[in-house]
Amino acid sequence: MTNEDHTAAEKDSKGSLLLDDQLCFALYAAQRAVTSSYRPLLDELGLTYPQYLVLLVLWERGEIAVKELATALRLDYGTVSPLLKRLESAGLVRRERAAHDERSVLVACTGRGEELRERAACVPGALLAATGLDEPEVARLREDLWRLAAKAEAAAQR
């Protein structure tokens, strides 16, 4: 069997083992490219991409439990905790035990964290411009990705 025959046979079957045919690889490459586009914008703010995501949640929701933050970011507590520690060291967030439940830790932006929100306001527009996509294209893509995420999460729980 030649390489061409092998490639055709792979494509005719239920799935392909070719790298460029993998949905996961296309998502991975897109995610890396988008995150790289964020880097110069976030460097100006002194943030990493994961730290930016934490602040987005806090700017949107205000003070919340760390467990709720982790759920919103689809991360485990062990991943969120070091992020919060670095943001706290930078003076952007504060953590404290909840008065009503000592087991729960609450996190919120400090004044400096709230001030950073104004400087970060240009980030979404700058990224949109960098992609060359228009608003309707971005909206469709985002809806498709959320639908994919929901289906993949459901499949993983079976």
C-alpha atoms as a PDB file:
ATOM      1  CA  MET A   1       0.000   0.000   0.000  1.00  0.00           C
ATOM      2  CA  THR A   2       1.441   3.395  -0.997  1.00  0.00           C
ATOM      3  CA  ASN A   3       1.307   6.498   1.191  1.00  0.00           C
ATOM      4  CA  GLU A   4      -1.499   7.865  -1.010  1.00  0.00           C
ATOM      5  CA  ASP A   5      -3.478   4.620  -0.653  1.00  0.00           C
ATOM      6  CA  HIS A   6      -2.890   4.638   3.087  1.00  0.00           C
ATOM      7  CA  THR A   7      -4.031   8.278   3.355  1.00  0.00           C
ATOM      8  CA  ALA A   8      -7.167   7.606   1.306  1.00  0.00           C
ATOM      9  CA  ALA A   9      -7.981   4.531   3.391  1.00  0.00           C
ATOM     10  CA  GLU A  10      -7.604   6.544   6.594  1.00  0.00           C
ATOM     11  CA  LYS A  11      -9.937   9.271   5.319  1.00  0.00           C
ATOM     12  CA  ASP A  12     -12.526   6.708   4.156  1.00  0.00           C
ATOM     13  CA  SER A  13     -12.736   5.126   7.597  1.00  0.00           C
ATOM     14  CA  LYS A  14     -14.630   6.624  10.535  1.00  0.00           C
ATOM     15  CA  GLY A  15     -11.714   8.796  11.524  1.00  0.00           C
ATOM     16  CA  SER A  16      -8.386   9.981  10.318  1.00  0.00           C
ATOM     17  CA  LEU A  17      -5.080   9.704  12.104  1.00  0.00           C
ATOM     18  CA  LEU A  18      -3.633  12.588  10.114  1.00  0.00           C
ATOM     19  CA  LEU A  19      -2.596  15.450  12.388  1.00  0.00           C
ATOM     20  CA  ASP A  20      -4.234  18.198  10.333  1.00  0.00           C
ATOM     21  CA  ASP A  21      -7.541  16.272  10.347  1.00  0.00           C
ATOM     22  CA  GLN A  22      -7.736  16.293  14.149  1.00  0.00           C
ATOM     23  CA  LEU A  23     -10.317  18.659  15.659  1.00  0.00           C
ATOM     24  CA  CYS A  24      -8.357  18.688  18.913  1.00  0.00           C
ATOM     25  CA  PHE A  25      -5.228  19.857  17.102  1.00  0.00           C
ATOM     26  CA  ALA A  26      -7.060  22.645  15.267  1.00  0.00           C
ATOM     27  CA  LEU A  27      -8.467  23.824  18.619  1.00  0.00           C
ATOM     28  CA  TYR A  28      -5.047  23.549  20.246  1.00  0.00           C
ATOM     29  CA  ALA A  29      -3.343  25.535  17.469  1.00  0.00           C
ATOM     30  CA  ALA A  30      -6.057  28.204  17.539  1.00  0.00           C
ATOM     31  CA  GLN A  31      -5.874  28.477  21.326  1.00  0.00           C
ATOM     32  CA  ARG A  32      -2.095  28.887  21.245  1.00  0.00           C
ATOM     33  CA  ALA A  33      -2.307  31.524  18.510  1.00  0.00           C
ATOM     34  CA  VAL A  34      -5.003  33.503  20.316  1.00  0.00           C
ATOM     35  CA  THR A  35      -3.157  33.310  23.622  1.00  0.00           C
ATOM     36  CA  SER A  36       0.013  34.521  21.866  1.00  0.00           C
ATOM     37  CA  SER A  37      -1.946  37.470  20.493  1.00  0.00           C
ATOM     38  CA  TYR A  38      -2.960  38.362  24.045  1.00  0.00           C
ATOM     39  CA  ARG A  39       0.614  38.245  25.350  1.00  0.00           C
ATOM     40  CA  PRO A  40       1.815  41.745  24.334  1.00  0.00           C
ATOM     41  CA  LEU A  41      -1.468  43.280  25.477  1.00  0.00           C
ATOM     42  CA  LEU A  42      -1.311  41.558  28.855  1.00  0.00           C
ATOM     43  CA  ASP A  43       2.426  42.203  29.286  1.00  0.00           C
ATOM     44  CA  GLU A  44       1.563  45.907  29.386  1.00  0.00           C
ATOM     45  CA  LEU A  45      -0.786  45.131  32.278  1.00  0.00           C
ATOM     46  CA  GLY A  46       1.710  42.883  34.054  1.00  0.00           C
ATOM     47  CA  LEU A  47      -0.599  39.879  33.739  1.00  0.00           C
ATOM     48  CA  THR A  48      -0.454  36.374  32.375  1.00  0.00           C
ATOM     49  CA  TYR A  49      -3.406  35.063  30.384  1.00  0.00           C
ATOM     50  CA  PRO A  50      -4.719  32.884  33.275  1.00  0.00           C
ATOM     51  CA  GLN A  51      -4.425  35.859  35.667  1.00  0.00           C
ATOM     52  CA  TYR A  52      -6.399  37.960  33.188  1.00  0.00           C
ATOM     53  CA  LEU A  53      -9.149  35.326  33.157  1.00  0.00           C
ATOM     54  CA  VAL A  54      -9.324  35.391  36.971  1.00  0.00           C
ATOM     55  CA  LEU A  55      -9.681  39.169  36.923  1.00  0.00           C
ATOM     56  CA  LEU A  56     -12.377  38.994  34.231  1.00  0.00           C
ATOM     57  CA  VAL A  57     -14.480  36.809  36.520  1.00  0.00           C
ATOM     58  CA  LEU A  58     -13.893  39.071  39.528  1.00  0.00           C
ATOM     59  CA  TRP A  59     -14.683  42.229  37.553  1.00  0.00           C
ATOM     60  CA  GLU A  60     -17.918  40.624  36.391  1.00  0.00           C
ATOM     61  CA  ARG A  61     -19.079  39.000  39.629  1.00  0.00           C
ATOM     62  CA  GLY A  62     -17.359  40.869  42.444  1.00  0.00           C
ATOM     63  CA  GLU A  63     -16.388  38.987  45.601  1.00  0.00           C
ATOM     64  CA  ILE A  64     -16.923  35.255  45.205  1.00  0.00           C
ATOM     65  CA  ALA A  65     -15.849  31.982  46.767  1.00  0.00           C
ATOM     66  CA  VAL A  66     -12.675  30.452  45.356  1.00  0.00           C
ATOM     67  CA  LYS A  67     -14.676  27.310  44.576  1.00  0.00           C
ATOM     68  CA  GLU A  68     -17.114  29.374  42.461  1.00  0.00           C
ATOM     69  CA  LEU A  69     -14.193  31.074  40.701  1.00  0.00           C
ATOM     70  CA  ALA A  70     -12.635  27.705  39.876  1.00  0.00           C
ATOM     71  CA  THR A  71     -15.959  26.476  38.485  1.00  0.00           C
ATOM     72  CA  ALA A  72     -16.375  29.601  36.337  1.00  0.00           C
ATOM     73  CA  LEU A  73     -12.880  29.111  34.898  1.00  0.00           C
ATOM     74  CA  ARG A  74     -13.351  25.334  34.529  1.00  0.00           C
ATOM     75  CA  LEU A  75     -10.208  24.785  36.587  1.00  0.00           C
ATOM     76  CA  ASP A  76      -9.509  22.791  39.723  1.00  0.00           C
ATOM     77  CA  TYR A  77      -8.758  24.407  43.074  1.00  0.00           C
ATOM     78  CA  GLY A  78      -5.101  23.361  42.878  1.00  0.00           C
ATOM     79  CA  THR A  79      -4.671  25.369  39.672  1.00  0.00           C
ATOM     80  CA  VAL A  80      -6.582  28.448  40.856  1.00  0.00           C
ATOM     81  CA  SER A  81      -4.841  28.723  44.227  1.00  0.00           C
ATOM     82  CA  PRO A  82      -1.339  29.561  42.885  1.00  0.00           C
ATOM     83  CA  LEU A  83      -2.893  32.072  40.449  1.00  0.00           C
ATOM     84  CA  LEU A  84      -4.607  33.819  43.334  1.00  0.00           C
ATOM     85  CA  LYS A  85      -1.441  33.751  45.411  1.00  0.00           C
ATOM     86  CA  ARG A  86       0.477  35.576  42.656  1.00  0.00           C
ATOM     87  CA  LEU A  87      -2.348  38.084  42.120  1.00  0.00           C
ATOM     88  CA  GLU A  88      -2.501  38.680  45.863  1.00  0.00           C
ATOM     89  CA  SER A  89       1.281  39.229  46.008  1.00  0.00           C
ATOM     90  CA  ALA A  90       0.895  41.790  43.209  1.00  0.00           C
ATOM     91  CA  GLY A  91      -1.750  43.586  45.284  1.00  0.00           C
ATOM     92  CA  LEU A  92      -4.547  42.953  42.779  1.00  0.00           C
ATOM     93  CA  VAL A  93      -6.776  40.621  44.817  1.00  0.00           C
ATOM     94  CA  ARG A  94      -7.445  39.801  48.440  1.00  0.00           C
ATOM     95  CA  ARG A  95      -8.454  36.474  49.934  1.00  0.00           C
ATOM     96  CA  GLU A  96     -10.156  35.931  53.268  1.00  0.00           C
ATOM     97  CA  ARG A  97     -12.111  33.259  55.051  1.00  0.00           C
ATOM     98  CA  ALA A  98     -15.878  33.685  54.884  1.00  0.00           C
ATOM     99  CA  ALA A  99     -17.348  34.813  58.200  1.00  0.00           C
ATOM    100  CA  HIS A 100     -20.326  32.481  57.823  1.00  0.00           C
ATOM    101  CA  ASP A 101     -18.237  29.424  56.855  1.00  0.00           C
ATOM    102  CA  GLU A 102     -14.563  29.165  57.854  1.00  0.00           C
ATOM    103  CA  ARG A 103     -14.026  26.438  55.222  1.00  0.00           C
ATOM    104  CA  SER A 104     -14.873  28.829  52.404  1.00  0.00           C
ATOM    105  CA  VAL A 105     -12.353  31.349  51.082  1.00  0.00           C
ATOM    106  CA  LEU A 106     -13.614  34.493  49.391  1.00  0.00           C
ATOM    107  CA  VAL A 107     -11.653  36.416  46.786  1.00  0.00           C
ATOM    108  CA  ALA A 108     -12.171  39.947  45.493  1.00  0.00           C
ATOM    109  CA  CYS A 109     -10.281  42.650  43.631  1.00  0.00           C
ATOM    110  CA  THR A 110      -8.432  45.287  45.584  1.00  0.00           C
ATOM    111  CA  GLY A 111      -8.511  48.929  44.547  1.00  0.00           C
ATOM    112  CA  ARG A 112      -5.471  48.284  42.351  1.00  0.00           C
ATOM    113  CA  GLY A 113      -7.252  45.338  40.757  1.00  0.00           C
ATOM    114  CA  GLU A 114     -10.283  47.492  39.985  1.00  0.00           C
ATOM    115  CA  GLU A 115      -8.055  50.244  38.540  1.00  0.00           C
ATOM    116  CA  LEU A 116      -6.472  47.684  36.214  1.00  0.00           C
ATOM    117  CA  ARG A 117      -9.931  47.053  34.769  1.00  0.00           C
ATOM    118  CA  GLU A 118      -9.872  50.469  33.076  1.00  0.00           C
ATOM    119  CA  ARG A 119      -6.488  49.751  31.485  1.00  0.00           C
ATOM    120  CA  ALA A 120      -7.690  46.302  30.362  1.00  0.00           C
ATOM    121  CA  ALA A 121     -10.782  47.692  28.639  1.00  0.00           C
ATOM    122  CA  CYS A 122      -8.896  47.911  25.313  1.00  0.00           C
ATOM    123  CA  VAL A 123      -7.832  44.241  25.319  1.00  0.00           C
ATOM    124  CA  PRO A 124     -10.976  42.648  23.795  1.00  0.00           C
ATOM    125  CA  GLY A 125     -11.112  45.152  20.924  1.00  0.00           C
ATOM    126  CA  ALA A 126      -7.397  44.835  20.235  1.00  0.00           C
ATOM    127  CA  LEU A 127      -7.672  41.055  20.063  1.00  0.00           C
ATOM    128  CA  LEU A 128     -10.694  41.298  17.775  1.00  0.00           C
ATOM    129  CA  ALA A 129      -8.705  43.564  15.449  1.00  0.00           C
ATOM    130  CA  ALA A 130      -5.742  41.160  15.550  1.00  0.00           C
ATOM    131  CA  THR A 131      -7.897  38.232  14.404  1.00  0.00           C
ATOM    132  CA  GLY A 132      -9.419  40.099  11.479  1.00  0.00           C
ATOM    133  CA  LEU A 133     -12.807  38.619  12.362  1.00  0.00           C
ATOM    134  CA  ASP A 134     -15.890  40.816  12.555  1.00  0.00           C
ATOM    135  CA  GLU A 135     -18.378  40.787  15.449  1.00  0.00           C
ATOM    136  CA  PRO A 136     -20.888  38.377  13.818  1.00  0.00           C
ATOM    137  CA  GLU A 137     -18.097  35.915  12.927  1.00  0.00           C
ATOM    138  CA  VAL A 138     -16.798  36.024  16.495  1.00  0.00           C
ATOM    139  CA  ALA A 139     -20.300  35.538  17.904  1.00  0.00           C
ATOM    140  CA  ARG A 140     -20.901  32.490  15.664  1.00  0.00           C
ATOM    141  CA  LEU A 141     -17.503  31.007  16.472  1.00  0.00           C
ATOM    142  CA  ARG A 142     -18.012  31.528  20.211  1.00  0.00           C
ATOM    143  CA  GLU A 143     -21.469  29.868  20.058  1.00  0.00           C
ATOM    144  CA  ASP A 144     -20.036  26.916  18.120  1.00  0.00           C
ATOM    145  CA  LEU A 145     -17.185  26.513  20.615  1.00  0.00           C
ATOM    146  CA  TRP A 146     -19.520  26.637  23.633  1.00  0.00           C
ATOM    147  CA  ARG A 147     -21.752  24.045  21.964  1.00  0.00           C
ATOM    148  CA  LEU A 148     -18.706  21.859  21.286  1.00  0.00           C
ATOM    149  CA  ALA A 149     -17.538  22.263  24.892  1.00  0.00           C
ATOM    150  CA  ALA A 150     -20.950  21.248  26.233  1.00  0.00           C
ATOM    151  CA  LYS A 151     -21.098  18.156  24.018  1.00  0.00           C
ATOM    152  CA  ALA A 152     -17.541  17.137  24.875  1.00  0.00           C
ATOM    153  CA  GLU A 153     -18.178  17.608  28.606  1.00  0.00           C
ATOM    154  CA  ALA A 154     -21.338  15.498  28.361  1.00  0.00           C
ATOM    155  CA  ALA A 155     -19.479  12.776  26.473  1.00  0.00           C
ATOM    156  CA  ALA A 156     -16.678  12.791  29.053  1.00  0.00           C
ATOM    157  CA  GLN A 157     -19.196  12.187  31.856  1.00  0.00           C
ATOM    158  CA  ARG A 158     -20.708   9.110  30.219  1.00  0.00           C
END
